[in-house]
PDB file of N, CA and C in Angstrom:
ATOM      1  N   MET A   1       7.688   5.747 -11.355  1.00  0.00           N
ATOM      2  CA  MET A   1       7.887   4.555 -10.338  1.00  0.00           C
ATOM      3  C   MET A   1       6.610   4.008  -9.740  1.00  0.00           C
ATOM      4  N   LYS A   2       6.346   2.882  -9.872  1.00  0.00           N
ATOM      5  CA  LYS A   2       5.259   1.683  -9.026  1.00  0.00           C
ATOM      6  C   LYS A   2       5.527   1.707  -8.139  1.00  0.00           C
ATOM      7  N   ILE A   3       4.734   2.083  -7.133  1.00  0.00           N
ATOM      8  CA  ILE A   3       4.684   1.957  -5.807  1.00  0.00           C
ATOM      9  C   ILE A   3       3.618   1.202  -4.948  1.00  0.00           C
ATOM     10  N   ALA A   4       3.714   0.520  -4.086  1.00  0.00           N
ATOM     11  CA  ALA A   4       2.704  -0.097  -3.396  1.00  0.00           C
ATOM     12  C   ALA A   4       2.625   0.623  -2.091  1.00  0.00           C
ATOM     13  N   LEU A   5       1.468   1.118  -1.626  1.00  0.00           N
ATOM     14  CA  LEU A   5       1.487   1.853  -0.453  1.00  0.00           C
ATOM     15  C   LEU A   5       0.544   1.029   0.348  1.00  0.00           C
ATOM     16  N   ILE A   6       0.810   0.390   1.577  1.00  0.00           N
ATOM     17  CA  ILE A   6      -0.009  -0.275   2.376  1.00  0.00           C
ATOM     18  C   ILE A   6      -0.349   1.020   3.640  1.00  0.00           C
ATOM     19  N   GLY A   7      -1.777   0.883   3.941  1.00  0.00           N
ATOM     20  CA  GLY A   7      -2.111   1.856   4.718  1.00  0.00           C
ATOM     21  C   GLY A   7      -2.417   3.215   4.195  1.00  0.00           C
ATOM     22  N   ALA A   8      -2.980   3.376   3.004  1.00  0.00           N
ATOM     23  CA  ALA A   8      -2.824   4.876   2.324  1.00  0.00           C
ATOM     24  C   ALA A   8      -4.337   5.486   2.783  1.00  0.00           C
ATOM     25  N   THR A   9      -4.938   5.199   3.490  1.00  0.00           N
ATOM     26  CA  THR A   9      -6.233   5.724   4.332  1.00  0.00           C
ATOM     27  C   THR A   9      -5.801   6.690   5.428  1.00  0.00           C
ATOM     28  N   GLY A  10      -4.757   6.095   6.022  1.00  0.00           N
ATOM     29  CA  GLY A  10      -4.519   6.464   7.252  1.00  0.00           C
ATOM     30  C   GLY A  10      -3.752   7.869   7.519  1.00  0.00           C
ATOM     31  N   PHE A  11      -3.570   8.669   8.510  1.00  0.00           N
ATOM     32  CA  PHE A  11      -2.938  10.298   8.778  1.00  0.00           C
ATOM     33  C   PHE A  11      -1.316  10.163   7.870  1.00  0.00           C
ATOM     34  N   VAL A  12      -0.794   9.172   8.334  1.00  0.00           N
ATOM     35  CA  VAL A  12       0.627   9.150   7.412  1.00  0.00           C
ATOM     36  C   VAL A  12       0.248   8.551   5.841  1.00  0.00           C
ATOM     37  N   GLY A  13       0.102   7.655   5.910  1.00  0.00           N
ATOM     38  CA  GLY A  13      -0.350   7.161   4.700  1.00  0.00           C
ATOM     39  C   GLY A  13      -0.939   7.970   3.681  1.00  0.00           C
ATOM     40  N   SER A  14      -2.115   8.784   3.750  1.00  0.00           N
ATOM     41  CA  SER A  14      -2.715   9.455   3.117  1.00  0.00           C
ATOM     42  C   SER A  14      -1.745  10.946   2.538  1.00  0.00           C
ATOM     43  N   ALA A  15      -0.838  11.060   3.647  1.00  0.00           N
ATOM     44  CA  ALA A  15      -0.005  12.127   2.981  1.00  0.00           C
ATOM     45  C   ALA A  15       1.216  11.358   1.998  1.00  0.00           C
ATOM     46  N   ILE A  16       1.339  10.606   2.391  1.00  0.00           N
ATOM     47  CA  ILE A  16       2.596  10.040   1.552  1.00  0.00           C
ATOM     48  C   ILE A  16       1.706   9.303  -0.220  1.00  0.00           C
ATOM     49  N   LEU A  17       0.505   8.931  -0.180  1.00  0.00           N
ATOM     50  CA  LEU A  17      -0.137   9.105  -1.177  1.00  0.00           C
ATOM     51  C   LEU A  17      -0.257  10.010  -1.847  1.00  0.00           C
ATOM     52  N   LYS A  18      -0.753  11.459  -1.419  1.00  0.00           N
ATOM     53  CA  LYS A  18      -0.916  12.442  -2.201  1.00  0.00           C
ATOM     54  C   LYS A  18       0.365  12.865  -2.608  1.00  0.00           C
ATOM     55  N   GLU A  19       1.513  12.934  -1.663  1.00  0.00           N
ATOM     56  CA  GLU A  19       2.649  13.377  -2.486  1.00  0.00           C
ATOM     57  C   GLU A  19       3.578  12.318  -3.560  1.00  0.00           C
ATOM     58  N   ALA A  20       3.103  11.121  -3.384  1.00  0.00           N
ATOM     59  CA  ALA A  20       3.576  10.375  -4.732  1.00  0.00           C
ATOM     60  C   ALA A  20       2.631  10.299  -5.886  1.00  0.00           C
ATOM     61  N   LEU A  21       1.449  10.742  -5.755  1.00  0.00           N
ATOM     62  CA  LEU A  21       0.780  11.064  -6.941  1.00  0.00           C
ATOM     63  C   LEU A  21       0.934  12.277  -7.566  1.00  0.00           C
ATOM     64  N   ASN A  22       1.684  13.063  -6.519  1.00  0.00           N
ATOM     65  CA  ASN A  22       1.652  14.933  -7.100  1.00  0.00           C
ATOM     66  C   ASN A  22       3.274  14.742  -7.666  1.00  0.00           C
ATOM     67  N   ARG A  23       3.966  13.655  -7.476  1.00  0.00           N
ATOM     68  CA  ARG A  23       5.192  13.588  -8.212  1.00  0.00           C
ATOM     69  C   ARG A  23       5.121  12.604  -9.532  1.00  0.00           C
ATOM     70  N   GLY A  24       3.792  12.107  -9.791  1.00  0.00           N
ATOM     71  CA  GLY A  24       3.690  11.511 -10.897  1.00  0.00           C
ATOM     72  C   GLY A  24       3.789   9.855 -10.968  1.00  0.00           C
ATOM     73  N   HIS A  25       3.959   9.282  -9.617  1.00  0.00           N
ATOM     74  CA  HIS A  25       4.057   7.954  -9.608  1.00  0.00           C
ATOM     75  C   HIS A  25       2.784   6.956  -9.545  1.00  0.00           C
ATOM     76  N   GLU A  26       2.933   5.802 -10.212  1.00  0.00           N
ATOM     77  CA  GLU A  26       1.446   5.142 -10.303  1.00  0.00           C
ATOM     78  C   GLU A  26       1.693   4.259  -8.853  1.00  0.00           C
ATOM     79  N   VAL A  27       0.716   4.393  -8.359  1.00  0.00           N
ATOM     80  CA  VAL A  27       0.297   3.865  -6.867  1.00  0.00           C
ATOM     81  C   VAL A  27      -0.515   2.706  -6.687  1.00  0.00           C
ATOM     82  N   THR A  28      -0.643   1.685  -6.130  1.00  0.00           N
ATOM     83  CA  THR A  28      -1.479   0.730  -5.698  1.00  0.00           C
ATOM     84  C   THR A  28      -1.334   0.838  -4.049  1.00  0.00           C
ATOM     85  N   ALA A  29      -2.640   1.564  -3.776  1.00  0.00           N
ATOM     86  CA  ALA A  29      -3.161   1.581  -2.395  1.00  0.00           C
ATOM     87  C   ALA A  29      -3.629   0.502  -1.774  1.00  0.00           C
ATOM     88  N   ILE A  30      -3.269  -0.304  -1.002  1.00  0.00           N
ATOM     89  CA  ILE A  30      -3.409  -1.368  -0.537  1.00  0.00           C
ATOM     90  C   ILE A  30      -4.231  -0.914   1.250  1.00  0.00           C
ATOM     91  N   VAL A  31      -5.531  -1.254   1.354  1.00  0.00           N
ATOM     92  CA  VAL A  31      -6.529  -0.782   2.152  1.00  0.00           C
ATOM     93  C   VAL A  31      -7.252  -1.666   2.429  1.00  0.00           C
ATOM     94  N   GLN A  32      -8.008  -1.757   3.884  1.00  0.00           N
ATOM     95  CA  GLN A  32      -9.192  -2.122   3.992  1.00  0.00           C
ATOM     96  C   GLN A  32     -10.371  -1.632   3.336  1.00  0.00           C
ATOM     97  N   HIS A  33     -10.578  -0.621   3.409  1.00  0.00           N
ATOM     98  CA  HIS A  33     -11.576   0.118   2.831  1.00  0.00           C
ATOM     99  C   HIS A  33     -11.449   1.237   1.342  1.00  0.00           C
ATOM    100  N   PRO A  34     -11.240   0.674   0.222  1.00  0.00           N
ATOM    101  CA  PRO A  34     -10.766   1.375  -0.903  1.00  0.00           C
ATOM    102  C   PRO A  34     -11.931   2.328  -0.831  1.00  0.00           C
ATOM    103  N   GLU A  35     -12.875   2.169  -0.830  1.00  0.00           N
ATOM    104  CA  GLU A  35     -14.018   3.290  -1.027  1.00  0.00           C
ATOM    105  C   GLU A  35     -13.712   4.677  -0.530  1.00  0.00           C
ATOM    106  N   LYS A  36     -12.531   4.652   0.633  1.00  0.00           N
ATOM    107  CA  LYS A  36     -12.288   6.133   1.253  1.00  0.00           C
ATOM    108  C   LYS A  36     -11.372   6.522   0.491  1.00  0.00           C
ATOM    109  N   LEU A  37     -10.985   5.982  -0.786  1.00  0.00           N
ATOM    110  CA  LEU A  37      -9.970   6.833  -1.510  1.00  0.00           C
ATOM    111  C   LEU A  37     -10.632   7.555  -2.551  1.00  0.00           C
ATOM    112  N   THR A  38     -10.262   8.643  -2.627  1.00  0.00           N
ATOM    113  CA  THR A  38     -10.432   9.661  -4.344  1.00  0.00           C
ATOM    114  C   THR A  38      -9.994   9.144  -5.304  1.00  0.00           C
ATOM    115  N   SER A  39     -10.890   8.750  -6.448  1.00  0.00           N
ATOM    116  CA  SER A  39     -10.457   8.540  -7.563  1.00  0.00           C
ATOM    117  C   SER A  39      -9.026   9.535  -8.414  1.00  0.00           C
ATOM    118  N   HIS A  40      -8.308   8.942  -8.663  1.00  0.00           N
ATOM    119  CA  HIS A  40      -7.326   9.575  -9.394  1.00  0.00           C
ATOM    120  C   HIS A  40      -6.853   8.645 -10.721  1.00  0.00           C
ATOM    121  N   PRO A  41      -6.043   9.026 -11.802  1.00  0.00           N
ATOM    122  CA  PRO A  41      -6.030   8.413 -12.889  1.00  0.00           C
ATOM    123  C   PRO A  41      -4.739   6.991 -12.527  1.00  0.00           C
ATOM    124  N   LYS A  42      -3.691   7.633 -11.318  1.00  0.00           N
ATOM    125  CA  LYS A  42      -2.491   6.790 -11.425  1.00  0.00           C
ATOM    126  C   LYS A  42      -2.600   6.168 -10.121  1.00  0.00           C
ATOM    127  N   LEU A  43      -3.895   6.137  -9.572  1.00  0.00           N
ATOM    128  CA  LEU A  43      -4.170   5.546  -7.974  1.00  0.00           C
ATOM    129  C   LEU A  43      -4.973   4.075  -8.570  1.00  0.00           C
ATOM    130  N   HIS A  44      -4.541   3.225  -7.931  1.00  0.00           N
ATOM    131  CA  HIS A  44      -4.878   1.726  -8.024  1.00  0.00           C
ATOM    132  C   HIS A  44      -5.152   1.146  -6.906  1.00  0.00           C
ATOM    133  N   PRO A  45      -6.409   1.193  -6.103  1.00  0.00           N
ATOM    134  CA  PRO A  45      -7.077   0.851  -5.022  1.00  0.00           C
ATOM    135  C   PRO A  45      -7.035  -1.093  -5.051  1.00  0.00           C
ATOM    136  N   GLN A  46      -6.274  -1.507  -3.491  1.00  0.00           N
ATOM    137  CA  GLN A  46      -6.533  -3.106  -3.775  1.00  0.00           C
ATOM    138  C   GLN A  46      -7.159  -3.406  -2.273  1.00  0.00           C
ATOM    139  N   LYS A  47      -8.191  -3.856  -2.035  1.00  0.00           N
ATOM    140  CA  LYS A  47      -8.283  -4.157  -0.714  1.00  0.00           C
ATOM    141  C   LYS A  47      -7.515  -5.555  -0.612  1.00  0.00           C
ATOM    142  N   GLY A  48      -6.601  -5.294   0.660  1.00  0.00           N
ATOM    143  CA  GLY A  48      -6.051  -6.335   1.107  1.00  0.00           C
ATOM    144  C   GLY A  48      -5.521  -6.572   2.367  1.00  0.00           C
ATOM    145  N   ASP A  49      -5.383  -7.951   2.732  1.00  0.00           N
ATOM    146  CA  ASP A  49      -5.384  -8.142   4.343  1.00  0.00           C
ATOM    147  C   ASP A  49      -3.748  -8.082   4.625  1.00  0.00           C
ATOM    148  N   VAL A  50      -3.164  -7.491   5.130  1.00  0.00           N
ATOM    149  CA  VAL A  50      -1.398  -7.035   5.121  1.00  0.00           C
ATOM    150  C   VAL A  50      -1.172  -7.949   6.433  1.00  0.00           C
ATOM    151  N   CYS A  51      -1.858  -8.810   7.096  1.00  0.00           N
ATOM    152  CA  CYS A  51      -1.770  -9.745   8.035  1.00  0.00           C
ATOM    153  C   CYS A  51      -1.468 -11.068   7.621  1.00  0.00           C
ATOM    154  N   THR A  52      -1.728 -10.959   6.472  1.00  0.00           N
ATOM    155  CA  THR A  52      -1.302 -12.596   5.657  1.00  0.00           C
ATOM    156  C   THR A  52      -0.174 -12.367   4.792  1.00  0.00           C
ATOM    157  N   ALA A  53       0.753 -13.074   5.219  1.00  0.00           N
ATOM    158  CA  ALA A  53       2.082 -13.193   3.934  1.00  0.00           C
ATOM    159  C   ALA A  53       1.916 -13.102   2.706  1.00  0.00           C
ATOM    160  N   ASP A  54       1.113 -14.345   2.514  1.00  0.00           N
ATOM    161  CA  ASP A  54       0.868 -14.792   0.772  1.00  0.00           C
ATOM    162  C   ASP A  54      -0.117 -13.555   0.350  1.00  0.00           C
ATOM    163  N   GLU A  55      -1.141 -13.143   0.916  1.00  0.00           N
ATOM    164  CA  GLU A  55      -1.469 -11.605   0.425  1.00  0.00           C
ATOM    165  C   GLU A  55      -0.798 -10.591   0.309  1.00  0.00           C
ATOM    166  N   VAL A  56      -0.194 -10.506   1.326  1.00  0.00           N
ATOM    167  CA  VAL A  56       0.936  -9.206   0.949  1.00  0.00           C
ATOM    168  C   VAL A  56       1.846  -9.518  -0.433  1.00  0.00           C
ATOM    169  N   ALA A  57       2.720 -10.495  -0.145  1.00  0.00           N
ATOM    170  CA  ALA A  57       3.385 -10.941  -1.425  1.00  0.00           C
ATOM    171  C   ALA A  57       2.642 -11.011  -2.973  1.00  0.00           C
ATOM    172  N   ARG A  58       1.415 -11.276  -2.783  1.00  0.00           N
ATOM    173  CA  ARG A  58       0.551 -11.280  -4.288  1.00  0.00           C
ATOM    174  C   ARG A  58       0.281  -9.653  -4.343  1.00  0.00           C
ATOM    175  N   VAL A  59      -0.096  -8.972  -3.702  1.00  0.00           N
ATOM    176  CA  VAL A  59      -0.405  -7.552  -4.033  1.00  0.00           C
ATOM    177  C   VAL A  59       0.707  -6.732  -4.319  1.00  0.00           C
ATOM    178  N   VAL A  60       1.846  -6.913  -3.447  1.00  0.00           N
ATOM    179  CA  VAL A  60       2.953  -5.978  -3.785  1.00  0.00           C
ATOM    180  C   VAL A  60       4.248  -6.619  -4.856  1.00  0.00           C
ATOM    181  N   SER A  61       3.701  -7.691  -5.536  1.00  0.00           N
ATOM    182  CA  SER A  61       4.710  -8.226  -6.765  1.00  0.00           C
ATOM    183  C   SER A  61       4.387  -7.393  -7.928  1.00  0.00           C
ATOM    184  N   GLY A  62       5.967  -6.998  -8.281  1.00  0.00           N
ATOM    185  CA  GLY A  62       5.790  -6.312  -9.291  1.00  0.00           C
ATOM    186  C   GLY A  62       6.167  -4.846  -9.382  1.00  0.00           C
ATOM    187  N   HIS A  63       6.028  -4.254  -8.186  1.00  0.00           N
ATOM    188  CA  HIS A  63       6.251  -2.839  -7.501  1.00  0.00           C
ATOM    189  C   HIS A  63       7.767  -2.864  -7.627  1.00  0.00           C
ATOM    190  N   GLU A  64       7.878  -1.540  -7.754  1.00  0.00           N
ATOM    191  CA  GLU A  64       9.215  -1.176  -7.759  1.00  0.00           C
ATOM    192  C   GLU A  64       9.782  -0.881  -6.272  1.00  0.00           C
ATOM    193  N   ALA A  65       8.597  -0.149  -5.411  1.00  0.00           N
ATOM    194  CA  ALA A  65       8.956   0.459  -4.256  1.00  0.00           C
ATOM    195  C   ALA A  65       7.674   0.136  -3.470  1.00  0.00           C
ATOM    196  N   VAL A  66       7.962  -0.700  -1.889  1.00  0.00           N
ATOM    197  CA  VAL A  66       6.943  -0.903  -0.800  1.00  0.00           C
ATOM    198  C   VAL A  66       6.692  -0.123  -0.196  1.00  0.00           C
ATOM    199  N   ILE A  67       5.923   0.853   0.393  1.00  0.00           N
ATOM    200  CA  ILE A  67       6.260   1.627   1.381  1.00  0.00           C
ATOM    201  C   ILE A  67       5.004   1.357   2.557  1.00  0.00           C
ATOM    202  N   SER A  68       5.040   0.943   3.843  1.00  0.00           N
ATOM    203  CA  SER A  68       4.429   0.771   4.638  1.00  0.00           C
ATOM    204  C   SER A  68       3.955   1.886   6.041  1.00  0.00           C
ATOM    205  N   ALA A  69       2.750   2.341   5.354  1.00  0.00           N
ATOM    206  CA  ALA A  69       2.085   3.375   6.613  1.00  0.00           C
ATOM    207  C   ALA A  69       1.096   2.730   7.457  1.00  0.00           C
ATOM    208  N   PHE A  70       1.446   1.245   7.529  1.00  0.00           N
ATOM    209  CA  PHE A  70       0.363   0.704   8.563  1.00  0.00           C
ATOM    210  C   PHE A  70       0.375   0.602   9.828  1.00  0.00           C
ATOM    211  N   LYS A  71      -0.507   0.707  10.632  1.00  0.00           N
ATOM    212  CA  LYS A  71      -0.187   1.400  11.945  1.00  0.00           C
ATOM    213  C   LYS A  71       0.025   0.022  13.053  1.00  0.00           C
ATOM    214  N   ASN A  72      -0.696  -0.964  12.733  1.00  0.00           N
ATOM    215  CA  ASN A  72      -1.105  -2.387  13.503  1.00  0.00           C
ATOM    216  C   ASN A  72       0.757  -3.106  13.677  1.00  0.00           C
ATOM    217  N   ILE A  73       0.909  -2.867  14.439  1.00  0.00           N
ATOM    218  CA  ILE A  73       2.212  -3.752  14.719  1.00  0.00           C
ATOM    219  C   ILE A  73       2.104  -5.227  14.531  1.00  0.00           C
ATOM    220  N   SER A  74       1.145  -5.923  15.299  1.00  0.00           N
ATOM    221  CA  SER A  74       0.850  -7.180  15.181  1.00  0.00           C
ATOM    222  C   SER A  74       0.997  -7.755  13.744  1.00  0.00           C
ATOM    223  N   GLY A  75       0.897  -6.707  12.588  1.00  0.00           N
ATOM    224  CA  GLY A  75       0.783  -7.412  11.128  1.00  0.00           C
ATOM    225  C   GLY A  75       2.299  -7.164  10.674  1.00  0.00           C
ATOM    226  N   VAL A  76       3.162  -6.312  11.287  1.00  0.00           N
ATOM    227  CA  VAL A  76       4.500  -6.275  10.720  1.00  0.00           C
ATOM    228  C   VAL A  76       5.252  -7.431  10.391  1.00  0.00           C
ATOM    229  N   GLY A  77       4.970  -8.679  11.306  1.00  0.00           N
ATOM    230  CA  GLY A  77       5.925  -9.817  11.077  1.00  0.00           C
ATOM    231  C   GLY A  77       5.810 -10.598   9.618  1.00  0.00           C
ATOM    232  N   ALA A  78       4.465 -10.353   9.289  1.00  0.00           N
ATOM    233  CA  ALA A  78       3.851 -11.007   8.025  1.00  0.00           C
ATOM    234  C   ALA A  78       4.167 -10.014   6.651  1.00  0.00           C
ATOM    235  N   LEU A  79       4.135  -8.666   7.050  1.00  0.00           N
ATOM    236  CA  LEU A  79       4.795  -7.925   6.038  1.00  0.00           C
ATOM    237  C   LEU A  79       6.094  -8.045   5.498  1.00  0.00           C
ATOM    238  N   ILE A  80       6.954  -8.270   6.824  1.00  0.00           N
ATOM    239  CA  ILE A  80       8.121  -8.370   6.446  1.00  0.00           C
ATOM    240  C   ILE A  80       8.716  -9.534   5.725  1.00  0.00           C
ATOM    241  N   GLU A  81       7.945 -10.623   6.410  1.00  0.00           N
ATOM    242  CA  GLU A  81       8.309 -11.713   5.957  1.00  0.00           C
ATOM    243  C   GLU A  81       8.056 -12.040   4.141  1.00  0.00           C
ATOM    244  N   SER A  82       6.825 -11.483   3.873  1.00  0.00           N
ATOM    245  CA  SER A  82       6.420 -11.492   2.370  1.00  0.00           C
ATOM    246  C   SER A  82       7.396 -10.617   1.392  1.00  0.00           C
ATOM    247  N   VAL A  83       7.643  -9.789   2.059  1.00  0.00           N
ATOM    248  CA  VAL A  83       8.567  -8.547   1.150  1.00  0.00           C
ATOM    249  C   VAL A  83       9.798  -9.233   1.152  1.00  0.00           C
ATOM    250  N   ALA A  84      10.256  -9.862   2.066  1.00  0.00           N
ATOM    251  CA  ALA A  84      12.258 -10.479   2.046  1.00  0.00           C
ATOM    252  C   ALA A  84      12.063 -11.565   1.146  1.00  0.00           C
ATOM    253  N   GLY A  85      10.874 -12.868   1.564  1.00  0.00           N
ATOM    254  CA  GLY A  85      10.944 -13.937   1.026  1.00  0.00           C
ATOM    255  C   GLY A  85      10.568 -13.713  -0.256  1.00  0.00           C
TER     256      GLY A  85
END
């Protein structure tokens, strides 16, 4: 499965990332600091601003699932708007 994971470097997001990769999924990790991620053949780091609806829509396009482990509540509206719209 092709998964977009928002917040992959945080406490919860890193656990989800590890599990998804262990299960063989392709993961696009949408993060502020891609350099914090360890290289993996099925991991595709993507720097992105999840508080901007157009940016989120662009980055998650083409994925079969979107998981958010993003902790900034103020950005949730843009995230929901971009995925729903």
